[in-house]
Protein backbone atom coordinates (compact mmCIF):
# COMPACT_ATOMS: atom_id res chain seq x y z
CA MET A 1 -3.51 -84.30 96.15
CA PRO A 2 -5.68 -81.32 97.20
CA GLU A 3 -5.24 -79.69 100.59
CA LEU A 4 -7.88 -80.47 103.25
CA GLU A 5 -8.70 -77.74 105.77
CA LEU A 6 -10.90 -78.27 108.82
CA SER A 7 -12.93 -75.18 109.73
CA ALA A 8 -15.34 -74.49 112.57
CA SER A 9 -16.20 -71.12 111.04
CA PRO A 10 -16.47 -71.36 107.24
CA SER A 11 -17.53 -68.21 105.41
CA GLN A 12 -20.83 -67.96 103.56
CA GLU A 13 -18.87 -67.94 100.30
CA GLU A 14 -17.05 -71.16 101.24
CA LEU A 15 -20.32 -72.89 102.12
CA ALA A 16 -21.92 -71.57 98.92
CA ALA A 17 -19.11 -73.13 96.86
CA ILE A 18 -20.08 -76.56 98.25
CA THR A 19 -23.84 -75.99 97.98
CA ASP A 20 -23.66 -74.62 94.44
CA ALA A 21 -21.45 -77.46 93.21
CA LEU A 22 -23.64 -80.16 94.78
CA SER A 23 -26.82 -78.51 93.46
CA ALA A 24 -25.37 -78.44 89.95
CA PHE A 25 -24.35 -82.09 90.21
CA ASN A 26 -27.77 -83.15 91.55
CA ASN A 27 -29.60 -81.19 88.85
CA GLY A 28 -27.61 -83.03 86.20
CA ASP A 29 -27.99 -86.40 87.93
CA ALA A 30 -31.61 -86.34 89.18
CA GLY A 31 -33.08 -83.42 87.27
CA PRO A 32 -33.98 -79.94 88.48
CA ALA A 33 -35.06 -79.85 92.13
CA ASP A 34 -37.44 -76.92 91.65
CA ARG A 35 -36.58 -76.02 95.25
CA LYS A 36 -38.84 -73.36 96.71
CA PRO A 37 -38.96 -72.11 100.29
CA LEU A 38 -42.19 -72.51 102.24
CA ALA A 39 -43.20 -70.98 105.57
CA VAL A 40 -46.38 -70.80 107.61
CA LEU A 41 -46.00 -68.04 110.19
CA ILE A 42 -47.68 -67.52 113.56
CA ARG A 43 -48.08 -63.82 114.28
CA ASP A 44 -49.12 -62.15 117.51
CA THR A 45 -51.61 -59.26 117.67
CA ASP A 46 -48.77 -56.80 116.95
CA GLY A 47 -47.79 -58.67 113.79
CA ASN A 48 -44.59 -60.15 115.22
CA VAL A 49 -43.67 -63.70 114.22
CA THR A 50 -43.75 -65.89 117.34
CA GLY A 51 -43.45 -69.30 115.72
CA GLY A 52 -44.47 -71.33 112.73
CA LEU A 53 -43.20 -73.80 110.17
CA SER A 54 -40.31 -73.41 107.75
CA GLY A 55 -39.05 -75.72 105.07
CA PHE A 56 -39.04 -76.16 101.33
CA THR A 57 -40.40 -78.20 98.47
CA ALA A 58 -38.05 -80.01 96.09
CA TRP A 59 -38.25 -83.00 93.74
CA GLY A 60 -41.96 -83.38 94.52
CA TRP A 61 -41.58 -83.49 98.31
CA LEU A 62 -42.24 -81.11 101.19
CA PHE A 63 -39.52 -81.08 103.84
CA THR A 64 -40.40 -79.38 107.11
CA GLN A 65 -37.09 -78.21 108.56
CA MET A 66 -38.49 -76.47 111.63
CA LEU A 67 -41.82 -76.30 113.39
CA TYR A 68 -42.20 -74.25 116.56
CA VAL A 69 -45.35 -73.41 118.51
CA PRO A 70 -44.95 -71.00 121.46
CA GLU A 71 -45.58 -72.66 124.79
CA THR A 72 -48.62 -70.44 125.46
CA LEU A 73 -50.28 -71.72 122.26
CA ARG A 74 -49.60 -75.45 122.67
CA GLY A 75 -52.37 -77.98 123.09
CA ILE A 76 -54.91 -76.31 120.77
CA GLY A 77 -54.01 -78.15 117.56
CA LEU A 78 -51.83 -75.43 116.07
CA SER A 79 -49.07 -77.80 114.93
CA GLY A 80 -51.65 -79.80 112.97
CA ASN A 81 -52.95 -76.60 111.39
CA LEU A 82 -49.41 -75.52 110.43
CA LEU A 83 -48.72 -78.89 108.82
CA ALA A 84 -52.08 -78.92 107.02
CA LYS A 85 -51.49 -75.47 105.55
CA ALA A 86 -47.96 -76.40 104.41
CA GLU A 87 -49.21 -79.69 102.94
CA GLU A 88 -51.98 -77.88 101.07
CA GLU A 89 -49.41 -75.58 99.47
CA ALA A 90 -47.12 -78.55 98.73
CA ARG A 91 -49.98 -80.30 96.91
CA ALA A 92 -50.60 -77.11 94.91
CA ARG A 93 -46.91 -77.22 93.95
CA GLY A 94 -47.35 -80.79 92.74
CA CYS A 95 -45.74 -82.58 95.68
CA ARG A 96 -46.56 -86.23 96.29
CA GLY A 97 -45.10 -86.59 99.79
CA ALA A 98 -43.86 -84.84 102.91
CA TRP A 99 -41.20 -85.64 105.48
CA ILE A 100 -40.01 -84.32 108.81
CA ASP A 101 -37.73 -85.43 111.62
CA THR A 102 -37.76 -84.90 115.38
CA PHE A 103 -36.22 -86.10 118.63
CA ASN A 104 -39.01 -84.61 120.76
CA PRO A 105 -41.52 -87.24 121.98
CA GLN A 106 -44.37 -84.69 122.11
CA ALA A 107 -43.72 -83.56 118.54
CA LEU A 108 -43.51 -87.20 117.42
CA ARG A 109 -47.00 -87.84 118.81
CA ALA A 110 -48.32 -84.72 117.07
CA TYR A 111 -46.89 -85.80 113.70
CA LEU A 112 -48.26 -89.31 114.07
CA ARG A 113 -51.72 -87.81 114.79
CA GLN A 114 -51.42 -85.90 111.49
CA GLY A 115 -50.93 -89.11 109.52
CA TYR A 116 -47.14 -89.21 109.36
CA GLU A 117 -45.43 -92.59 109.77
CA VAL A 118 -41.94 -93.39 111.03
CA PHE A 119 -39.62 -94.70 108.33
CA GLY A 120 -36.33 -94.53 110.22
CA GLU A 121 -34.74 -93.85 113.58
CA LEU A 122 -31.37 -92.90 115.07
CA LYS A 123 -31.02 -94.05 118.68
CA ASP A 124 -29.23 -91.73 121.13
CA PHE A 125 -29.49 -88.67 118.86
CA PRO A 126 -29.16 -86.73 121.10
CA GLU A 127 -28.08 -89.05 123.90
CA GLY A 128 -31.07 -90.58 125.66
CA ARG A 129 -33.44 -89.70 122.81
CA THR A 130 -34.37 -91.20 119.47
CA ARG A 131 -34.46 -89.07 116.35
CA SER A 132 -37.40 -90.22 114.25
CA PHE A 133 -37.79 -89.63 110.53
CA LEU A 134 -41.40 -89.49 109.34
CA ARG A 135 -43.14 -89.40 105.98
CA LYS A 136 -46.64 -88.87 104.67
CA ASN A 137 -48.19 -89.36 101.24
CA LEU A 138 -49.91 -86.21 99.99
């Protein structure tokens, strides 16, 4: 029986061993992911990144991991523009769908306005909130 070790601070190499093995398994099982990073950056007048969208495309889907709009730029439709630009690139990469998740009610409303629909929820994640998982056909 192999030894099991609990770690709150695994090294990058230890995490890579898991990621690399799972990626190899998934490639053999489901085919190549063709995973490519994707970012849409918000820059200030000095060229500094102040927010934006980051994620990746894989297996014909866009996954938005993070989307952040600085407080001073909220309310002018920037999140919709970030999503639209990422979705345009995802279509160019041959993607057929997009997904995102959030536990922020304001972000949820923004994603729904952009045509995303809820396909799953986790209640009390975090406590007192609902984490919503959303998808959109591209």
